[in-house]
Amino acid sequence: MIPLPQKIRKNGYDYTQVLRGGKSCIYAQWSGEIIMAYEVMKIRVKPGRWIKGTWIEEREKFPADEDFGYTAWSYPTWERAKEKYDELEYK
């Protein structure tokens, strides 16, 4: 299985994974040199599949915009993000 990347660029922002557990993780959302928010997400797996005769390995999925509020959340402070992470990871 291919894990979530340590760094990713999406929607004009850079994201860096800052904390990861077995069920969830936190990414810092950067705009230049400034952290804009912390995004907490459940780790979800996209199953492997065949596409035009090529096998695509199963992989962890970075959330889409419509996942927010269901499997991903954005917080302005580390403290709030860590609270949600702890809730997902330990409950």
N, C-alpha and C. Protein backbone atom coordinates (compact mmCIF):
# COMPACT_ATOMS: atom_id res chain seq x y z
N MET A 1 0.84 -1.18 0.00
CA MET A 1 0.00 0.00 0.00
C MET A 1 0.89 1.24 0.00
N ILE A 2 0.45 2.25 -0.73
CA ILE A 2 1.18 3.51 -0.82
C ILE A 2 0.63 4.46 0.26
N PRO A 3 1.48 4.91 1.19
CA PRO A 3 1.00 5.80 2.26
C PRO A 3 0.80 7.24 1.78
N LEU A 4 0.11 8.02 2.59
CA LEU A 4 -0.04 9.45 2.31
C LEU A 4 1.35 10.08 2.21
N PRO A 5 1.52 11.04 1.32
CA PRO A 5 2.83 11.68 1.19
C PRO A 5 3.15 12.57 2.38
N GLN A 6 4.43 12.76 2.65
CA GLN A 6 4.85 13.68 3.71
C GLN A 6 4.55 15.12 3.33
N LYS A 7 4.67 15.42 2.03
CA LYS A 7 4.39 16.78 1.52
C LYS A 7 3.54 16.64 0.27
N ILE A 8 2.62 17.60 0.12
CA ILE A 8 1.74 17.60 -1.05
C ILE A 8 1.36 19.05 -1.35
N ARG A 9 1.10 19.34 -2.60
CA ARG A 9 0.59 20.66 -3.00
C ARG A 9 -0.79 20.45 -3.57
N LYS A 10 -1.76 21.21 -3.06
CA LYS A 10 -3.15 21.08 -3.51
C LYS A 10 -3.87 22.40 -3.30
N ASN A 11 -4.71 22.78 -4.25
CA ASN A 11 -5.53 24.00 -4.15
C ASN A 11 -4.70 25.25 -3.85
N GLY A 12 -3.47 25.30 -4.36
CA GLY A 12 -2.63 26.48 -4.17
C GLY A 12 -1.90 26.54 -2.85
N TYR A 13 -1.99 25.50 -2.03
CA TYR A 13 -1.31 25.45 -0.73
C TYR A 13 -0.34 24.28 -0.70
N ASP A 14 0.67 24.42 0.15
CA ASP A 14 1.58 23.31 0.44
C ASP A 14 1.14 22.70 1.76
N TYR A 15 1.19 21.38 1.84
CA TYR A 15 0.81 20.66 3.05
C TYR A 15 1.97 19.80 3.49
N THR A 16 2.25 19.80 4.80
CA THR A 16 3.30 18.98 5.38
C THR A 16 2.70 18.17 6.51
N GLN A 17 2.90 16.85 6.45
CA GLN A 17 2.38 15.98 7.51
C GLN A 17 3.20 16.21 8.78
N VAL A 18 2.52 16.56 9.88
CA VAL A 18 3.23 16.86 11.12
C VAL A 18 2.96 15.84 12.22
N LEU A 19 1.90 15.03 12.08
CA LEU A 19 1.59 14.01 13.07
C LEU A 19 0.79 12.93 12.41
N ARG A 20 1.13 11.67 12.71
CA ARG A 20 0.42 10.54 12.12
C ARG A 20 0.25 9.44 13.13
N GLY A 21 -0.94 8.88 13.16
CA GLY A 21 -1.22 7.72 14.00
C GLY A 21 -1.74 6.59 13.13
N GLY A 22 -2.40 5.63 13.75
CA GLY A 22 -2.94 4.50 13.03
C GLY A 22 -4.23 4.80 12.29
N LYS A 23 -5.01 5.77 12.78
CA LYS A 23 -6.32 6.07 12.20
C LYS A 23 -6.41 7.47 11.60
N SER A 24 -5.55 8.38 12.00
CA SER A 24 -5.68 9.76 11.57
C SER A 24 -4.31 10.44 11.48
N CYS A 25 -4.32 11.65 10.89
CA CYS A 25 -3.08 12.41 10.79
C CYS A 25 -3.40 13.90 10.73
N ILE A 26 -2.36 14.71 10.91
CA ILE A 26 -2.49 16.17 10.83
C ILE A 26 -1.48 16.68 9.81
N TYR A 27 -1.97 17.56 8.94
CA TYR A 27 -1.12 18.27 8.00
C TYR A 27 -1.16 19.76 8.33
N ALA A 28 -0.01 20.42 8.25
CA ALA A 28 0.04 21.88 8.35
C ALA A 28 -0.18 22.42 6.93
N GLN A 29 -1.06 23.40 6.81
CA GLN A 29 -1.36 24.02 5.51
C GLN A 29 -0.56 25.33 5.44
N TRP A 30 0.31 25.42 4.43
CA TRP A 30 1.21 26.57 4.29
C TRP A 30 0.83 27.43 3.10
N SER A 31 0.97 28.74 3.29
CA SER A 31 0.91 29.70 2.19
C SER A 31 2.21 30.48 2.27
N GLY A 32 3.15 30.12 1.44
CA GLY A 32 4.49 30.71 1.54
C GLY A 32 5.16 30.24 2.81
N GLU A 33 5.50 31.18 3.69
CA GLU A 33 6.18 30.86 4.94
C GLU A 33 5.23 30.86 6.14
N ILE A 34 3.93 31.00 5.89
CA ILE A 34 2.95 31.14 6.97
C ILE A 34 2.06 29.91 7.04
N ILE A 35 1.88 29.37 8.26
CA ILE A 35 0.91 28.29 8.45
C ILE A 35 -0.47 28.91 8.51
N MET A 36 -1.33 28.51 7.58
CA MET A 36 -2.68 29.04 7.51
C MET A 36 -3.64 28.27 8.42
N ALA A 37 -3.43 26.94 8.52
CA ALA A 37 -4.33 26.09 9.30
C ALA A 37 -3.68 24.73 9.49
N TYR A 38 -4.35 23.92 10.31
CA TYR A 38 -3.97 22.52 10.49
C TYR A 38 -5.15 21.69 10.04
N GLU A 39 -4.90 20.71 9.18
CA GLU A 39 -5.97 19.87 8.68
C GLU A 39 -5.83 18.47 9.26
N VAL A 40 -6.88 18.05 9.93
CA VAL A 40 -6.93 16.75 10.58
C VAL A 40 -7.77 15.85 9.69
N MET A 41 -7.29 14.63 9.45
CA MET A 41 -8.06 13.74 8.58
C MET A 41 -7.98 12.30 9.03
N LYS A 42 -9.08 11.58 8.82
CA LYS A 42 -9.07 10.14 8.99
C LYS A 42 -8.27 9.56 7.84
N ILE A 43 -7.47 8.55 8.13
CA ILE A 43 -6.72 7.90 7.06
C ILE A 43 -7.66 6.93 6.36
N ARG A 44 -7.87 7.18 5.08
CA ARG A 44 -8.76 6.34 4.28
C ARG A 44 -7.95 5.69 3.17
N VAL A 45 -8.37 4.49 2.78
CA VAL A 45 -7.63 3.72 1.77
C VAL A 45 -8.47 3.60 0.51
N LYS A 46 -7.85 3.93 -0.60
CA LYS A 46 -8.46 3.74 -1.92
C LYS A 46 -7.98 2.37 -2.41
N PRO A 47 -8.91 1.45 -2.70
CA PRO A 47 -8.50 0.09 -3.08
C PRO A 47 -7.73 0.05 -4.40
N GLY A 48 -6.93 -0.99 -4.54
CA GLY A 48 -6.22 -1.20 -5.80
C GLY A 48 -7.21 -1.55 -6.90
N ARG A 49 -6.81 -1.28 -8.15
CA ARG A 49 -7.71 -1.55 -9.27
C ARG A 49 -6.93 -1.57 -10.58
N TRP A 50 -7.56 -2.14 -11.58
CA TRP A 50 -7.00 -2.15 -12.92
C TRP A 50 -7.52 -0.96 -13.69
N ILE A 51 -6.64 -0.23 -14.36
CA ILE A 51 -7.02 0.86 -15.25
C ILE A 51 -6.31 0.63 -16.58
N LYS A 52 -7.10 0.37 -17.60
CA LYS A 52 -6.58 0.16 -18.96
C LYS A 52 -5.42 -0.84 -18.97
N GLY A 53 -5.61 -1.95 -18.27
CA GLY A 53 -4.62 -3.02 -18.26
C GLY A 53 -3.45 -2.82 -17.33
N THR A 54 -3.46 -1.74 -16.54
CA THR A 54 -2.38 -1.47 -15.59
C THR A 54 -2.93 -1.54 -14.17
N TRP A 55 -2.24 -2.29 -13.31
CA TRP A 55 -2.66 -2.41 -11.92
C TRP A 55 -2.20 -1.18 -11.15
N ILE A 56 -3.14 -0.51 -10.48
CA ILE A 56 -2.85 0.63 -9.63
C ILE A 56 -2.95 0.14 -8.19
N GLU A 57 -1.84 0.21 -7.46
CA GLU A 57 -1.77 -0.30 -6.09
C GLU A 57 -2.69 0.48 -5.15
N GLU A 58 -3.21 -0.21 -4.12
CA GLU A 58 -4.04 0.50 -3.15
C GLU A 58 -3.20 1.57 -2.47
N ARG A 59 -3.88 2.66 -2.09
CA ARG A 59 -3.15 3.81 -1.55
C ARG A 59 -4.02 4.55 -0.55
N GLU A 60 -3.36 5.23 0.35
CA GLU A 60 -4.09 6.12 1.26
C GLU A 60 -4.49 7.36 0.49
N LYS A 61 -5.67 7.88 0.80
CA LYS A 61 -6.28 8.95 0.02
C LYS A 61 -6.25 10.28 0.78
N PHE A 62 -5.69 11.31 0.14
CA PHE A 62 -5.77 12.67 0.68
C PHE A 62 -7.20 13.14 0.47
N PRO A 63 -7.82 13.79 1.45
CA PRO A 63 -9.24 14.14 1.31
C PRO A 63 -9.53 15.14 0.20
N ALA A 64 -10.70 14.97 -0.40
CA ALA A 64 -11.20 15.93 -1.38
C ALA A 64 -11.92 17.05 -0.62
N ASP A 65 -12.17 18.16 -1.28
CA ASP A 65 -12.84 19.29 -0.64
C ASP A 65 -14.17 18.87 0.00
N GLU A 66 -14.92 17.99 -0.65
CA GLU A 66 -16.23 17.59 -0.12
C GLU A 66 -16.15 16.65 1.08
N ASP A 67 -14.95 16.19 1.44
CA ASP A 67 -14.78 15.33 2.61
C ASP A 67 -14.75 16.12 3.92
N PHE A 68 -14.54 17.44 3.82
CA PHE A 68 -14.42 18.24 5.03
C PHE A 68 -15.75 18.31 5.77
N GLY A 69 -15.64 18.04 7.09
CA GLY A 69 -16.82 17.96 7.93
C GLY A 69 -17.25 16.52 8.16
N TYR A 70 -16.73 15.59 7.35
CA TYR A 70 -17.07 14.17 7.47
C TYR A 70 -15.86 13.32 7.83
N THR A 71 -14.79 13.45 7.07
CA THR A 71 -13.57 12.68 7.34
C THR A 71 -12.34 13.57 7.43
N ALA A 72 -12.53 14.89 7.31
CA ALA A 72 -11.43 15.85 7.41
C ALA A 72 -11.96 17.14 8.01
N TRP A 73 -11.09 17.83 8.78
CA TRP A 73 -11.46 19.06 9.46
C TRP A 73 -10.29 20.02 9.43
N SER A 74 -10.57 21.31 9.40
CA SER A 74 -9.55 22.34 9.36
C SER A 74 -9.66 23.21 10.61
N TYR A 75 -8.53 23.46 11.27
CA TYR A 75 -8.51 24.25 12.50
C TYR A 75 -7.42 25.31 12.41
N PRO A 76 -7.68 26.49 12.98
CA PRO A 76 -6.68 27.57 12.90
C PRO A 76 -5.53 27.40 13.89
N THR A 77 -5.70 26.57 14.93
CA THR A 77 -4.64 26.41 15.93
C THR A 77 -4.25 24.95 16.09
N TRP A 78 -3.00 24.75 16.51
CA TRP A 78 -2.50 23.41 16.77
C TRP A 78 -3.30 22.74 17.88
N GLU A 79 -3.65 23.48 18.91
CA GLU A 79 -4.35 22.90 20.05
C GLU A 79 -5.69 22.28 19.65
N ARG A 80 -6.46 23.01 18.84
CA ARG A 80 -7.77 22.50 18.38
C ARG A 80 -7.57 21.29 17.45
N ALA A 81 -6.58 21.36 16.59
CA ALA A 81 -6.31 20.25 15.68
C ALA A 81 -5.91 19.00 16.47
N LYS A 82 -5.08 19.18 17.49
CA LYS A 82 -4.62 18.04 18.30
C LYS A 82 -5.78 17.44 19.07
N GLU A 83 -6.72 18.25 19.55
CA GLU A 83 -7.91 17.73 20.23
C GLU A 83 -8.70 16.82 19.31
N LYS A 84 -8.93 17.24 18.07
CA LYS A 84 -9.68 16.43 17.11
C LYS A 84 -8.90 15.16 16.76
N TYR A 85 -7.60 15.29 16.58
CA TYR A 85 -6.75 14.14 16.30
C TYR A 85 -6.88 13.10 17.42
N ASP A 86 -6.76 13.56 18.67
CA ASP A 86 -6.88 12.66 19.82
C ASP A 86 -8.25 11.98 19.86
N GLU A 87 -9.28 12.74 19.54
CA GLU A 87 -10.64 12.18 19.50
C GLU A 87 -10.72 11.05 18.46
N LEU A 88 -10.19 11.29 17.28
CA LEU A 88 -10.24 10.28 16.22
C LEU A 88 -9.34 9.09 16.52
N GLU A 89 -8.19 9.36 17.09
CA GLU A 89 -7.19 8.33 17.29
C GLU A 89 -7.48 7.43 18.49
N TYR A 90 -8.04 7.99 19.55
CA TYR A 90 -8.15 7.26 20.81
C TYR A 90 -9.56 6.93 21.25
N LYS A 91 -10.57 7.30 20.48
CA LYS A 91 -11.95 6.97 20.85
C LYS A 91 -12.57 6.01 19.89
